[in-house]
Protein backbone atom coordinates (compact mmCIF):
# COMPACT_ATOMS: atom_id res chain seq x y z
CA UNK A 1 -3.57 2.40 -20.67
CA UNK A 2 -1.50 0.15 -22.91
CA UNK A 3 1.10 2.35 -24.57
CA UNK A 4 1.18 0.21 -27.70
CA UNK A 5 -2.55 0.42 -28.45
CA UNK A 6 -4.68 3.56 -28.46
CA UNK A 7 -7.87 3.00 -26.50
CA UNK A 8 -10.89 5.19 -26.09
CA UNK A 9 -10.59 6.93 -22.71
CA UNK A 10 -14.29 6.34 -22.14
CA UNK A 11 -13.70 2.60 -22.53
CA UNK A 12 -10.94 2.70 -19.89
CA UNK A 13 -13.25 4.61 -17.55
CA UNK A 14 -15.99 2.04 -18.03
CA UNK A 15 -13.55 -0.80 -17.34
CA UNK A 16 -12.39 0.98 -14.18
CA UNK A 17 -16.03 1.48 -13.16
CA UNK A 18 -16.78 -2.22 -13.77
CA UNK A 19 -13.85 -3.27 -11.58
CA UNK A 20 -15.07 -0.87 -8.88
CA UNK A 21 -18.21 -3.04 -8.64
CA UNK A 22 -16.30 -6.32 -8.32
CA UNK A 23 -17.05 -6.69 -4.61
CA UNK A 24 -20.77 -6.41 -5.40
CA UNK A 25 -20.59 -9.85 -7.04
CA UNK A 26 -20.62 -12.72 -4.55
CA UNK A 27 -18.83 -15.92 -5.55
CA UNK A 28 -22.01 -17.47 -6.94
CA UNK A 29 -22.33 -14.51 -9.34
CA UNK A 30 -18.72 -14.55 -10.58
CA UNK A 31 -19.92 -15.47 -14.08
CA UNK A 32 -22.05 -12.32 -14.11
CA UNK A 33 -19.01 -10.18 -13.40
CA UNK A 34 -17.00 -11.94 -16.11
CA UNK A 35 -19.89 -11.25 -18.51
CA UNK A 36 -19.61 -7.52 -17.75
CA UNK A 37 -15.91 -7.63 -18.62
CA UNK A 38 -16.57 -9.77 -21.71
CA UNK A 39 -19.09 -7.19 -22.96
CA UNK A 40 -16.49 -4.43 -22.64
CA UNK A 41 -13.82 -6.58 -24.31
CA UNK A 42 -16.21 -7.21 -27.22
CA UNK A 43 -15.90 -3.50 -28.08
CA UNK A 44 -12.17 -3.82 -28.75
CA UNK A 45 -10.48 -4.77 -32.00
CA UNK A 46 -9.96 -8.53 -32.23
CA UNK A 47 -6.17 -8.21 -31.99
CA UNK A 48 -6.10 -5.87 -28.99
CA UNK A 49 -3.89 -7.04 -26.13
CA UNK A 50 -6.29 -5.38 -23.68
CA UNK A 51 -9.02 -7.92 -24.38
CA UNK A 52 -7.19 -11.00 -23.15
CA UNK A 53 -5.66 -8.98 -20.30
CA UNK A 54 -9.02 -7.84 -18.93
CA UNK A 55 -10.51 -11.30 -19.40
CA UNK A 56 -7.51 -12.85 -17.60
CA UNK A 57 -7.95 -10.43 -14.71
CA UNK A 58 -11.63 -11.37 -14.46
CA UNK A 59 -10.93 -15.11 -14.47
CA UNK A 60 -8.06 -14.67 -12.02
CA UNK A 61 -10.05 -12.50 -9.64
CA UNK A 62 -12.85 -15.07 -9.59
CA UNK A 63 -10.50 -17.90 -8.63
CA UNK A 64 -9.56 -19.45 -11.97
CA UNK A 65 -5.81 -19.21 -12.43
CA UNK A 66 -6.01 -22.02 -14.97
CA UNK A 67 -8.20 -19.93 -17.29
CA UNK A 68 -6.29 -16.71 -16.59
CA UNK A 69 -2.74 -17.85 -17.34
CA UNK A 70 -3.21 -18.48 -21.08
CA UNK A 71 -5.00 -15.15 -21.45
CA UNK A 72 -2.18 -13.25 -19.72
CA UNK A 73 0.28 -14.99 -22.07
CA UNK A 74 -1.85 -13.99 -25.05
CA UNK A 75 -2.01 -10.35 -23.93
CA UNK A 76 1.77 -10.21 -23.52
CA UNK A 77 2.32 -11.96 -26.86
CA UNK A 78 0.09 -9.34 -28.51
CA UNK A 79 2.33 -6.60 -27.17
CA UNK A 80 0.78 -5.51 -23.89
CA UNK A 81 3.39 -3.20 -22.42
CA UNK A 82 3.92 -0.46 -19.91
CA UNK A 83 1.99 -0.46 -16.67
CA UNK A 84 -0.59 -3.05 -17.73
CA UNK A 85 2.14 -5.22 -19.20
CA UNK A 86 3.90 -5.20 -15.86
CA UNK A 87 0.63 -5.99 -14.10
CA UNK A 88 0.12 -8.91 -16.49
CA UNK A 89 3.56 -10.30 -15.60
CA UNK A 90 2.88 -10.00 -11.87
CA UNK A 91 -0.55 -11.59 -12.16
CA UNK A 92 0.64 -14.32 -14.53
CA UNK A 93 3.42 -15.19 -12.09
CA UNK A 94 0.89 -15.46 -9.28
CA UNK A 95 -1.33 -17.68 -11.42
CA UNK A 96 1.62 -19.86 -12.39
CA UNK A 97 2.49 -20.27 -8.72
CA UNK A 98 -1.09 -21.32 -8.00
CA UNK A 99 -0.80 -23.87 -10.80
CA UNK A 100 2.42 -25.37 -9.40
CA UNK A 101 4.67 -23.59 -11.92
CA UNK A 102 6.48 -21.24 -9.54
CA UNK A 103 9.80 -21.62 -11.37
CA UNK A 104 8.28 -20.05 -14.47
CA UNK A 105 6.91 -17.26 -12.28
CA UNK A 106 10.41 -16.60 -10.95
CA UNK A 107 11.80 -16.45 -14.50
CA UNK A 108 9.07 -14.02 -15.54
CA UNK A 109 9.43 -11.64 -12.59
CA UNK A 110 13.18 -11.64 -11.89
CA UNK A 111 13.95 -9.28 -14.82
CA UNK A 112 11.35 -6.88 -13.43
CA UNK A 113 13.64 -6.23 -10.45
CA UNK A 114 16.00 -4.38 -12.79
CA UNK A 115 13.31 -2.71 -14.89
CA UNK A 116 12.05 0.85 -14.60
CA UNK A 117 10.72 1.58 -11.12
CA UNK A 118 7.06 2.36 -10.52
CA UNK A 119 4.33 1.83 -7.93
CA UNK A 120 4.27 -1.89 -8.78
CA UNK A 121 7.81 -2.52 -7.49
CA UNK A 122 6.63 -3.88 -4.14
CA UNK A 123 4.02 -6.09 -5.84
CA UNK A 124 6.78 -7.54 -8.04
CA UNK A 125 8.84 -8.34 -4.96
CA UNK A 126 5.90 -9.76 -3.00
CA UNK A 127 4.80 -12.06 -5.82
CA UNK A 128 8.38 -13.09 -6.56
CA UNK A 129 8.86 -13.85 -2.85
CA UNK A 130 5.82 -16.13 -2.91
CA UNK A 131 7.13 -17.93 -6.00
CA UNK A 132 10.53 -18.37 -4.35
CA UNK A 133 8.92 -19.68 -1.18
CA UNK A 134 6.95 -22.22 -3.21
CA UNK A 135 10.30 -23.45 -4.50
CA UNK A 136 11.74 -23.77 -0.99
CA UNK A 137 13.85 -20.62 -1.41
CA UNK A 138 12.43 -18.91 1.66
CA UNK A 139 15.53 -16.89 2.55
CA UNK A 140 15.55 -15.24 -0.87
CA UNK A 141 11.84 -14.55 -0.61
CA UNK A 142 12.15 -13.08 2.88
CA UNK A 143 15.03 -10.93 1.68
CA UNK A 144 12.85 -9.48 -1.07
CA UNK A 145 9.97 -8.80 1.30
CA UNK A 146 12.18 -7.14 3.91
CA UNK A 147 13.87 -5.08 1.21
CA UNK A 148 10.47 -3.92 -0.07
CA UNK A 149 9.19 -3.18 3.43
CA UNK A 150 12.25 -1.29 4.71
CA UNK A 151 11.61 2.04 2.92
CA UNK A 152 8.08 2.17 4.33
CA UNK A 153 9.11 1.87 7.97
CA UNK A 154 9.19 5.01 10.13
CA UNK A 155 12.45 3.77 11.71
CA UNK A 156 14.97 0.97 11.17
CA UNK A 157 15.07 1.34 7.39
CA UNK A 158 18.84 0.87 7.21
CA UNK A 159 18.84 -2.07 9.63
CA UNK A 160 16.07 -3.89 7.78
CA UNK A 161 17.73 -3.27 4.41
CA UNK A 162 20.98 -4.68 5.82
CA UNK A 163 19.19 -7.71 7.26
CA UNK A 164 17.55 -8.30 3.90
CA UNK A 165 20.94 -8.31 2.16
CA UNK A 166 22.47 -10.53 4.82
CA UNK A 167 19.85 -13.23 4.16
CA UNK A 168 21.18 -13.82 0.66
CA UNK A 169 24.80 -12.64 0.68
CA UNK A 170 27.50 -15.05 1.79
CA UNK A 171 29.11 -14.46 5.17
CA UNK A 172 32.38 -12.54 4.97
């Protein structure tokens, strides 16, 4: 839920249920899925940041980064914060990368590395790594990915974390 806007819990449950059916919509029925999301968004107040966020997600998930990016920006400008705000930044960065604007994606996500930690930390690093790679900064991207992966390994966590640092730190 967006911390800055109270939302009916039933509405959130219905949005979650709609997204659970996403795979039931083949590519040729993508517009039908977006219509489901649009119908739910129509229930929100006109100034709600959740409306453009959910619509952006629907456009993005159906292969339209160009339509999604402005909606993510609108959601963030309207004050989308917390968990969904962080998701919007991750997804906007991915869309920007797809649109050839990876540098803007890097600028958007880099501050998230120092933000409060949550379950989206690895997604931040993965998306940032892709943006960096698109800019020819593969060593930095690989460092982020190895750093994110290291804690999940059953062994070699310290070695992988050290290798990740060594990719971007100057030789001593």
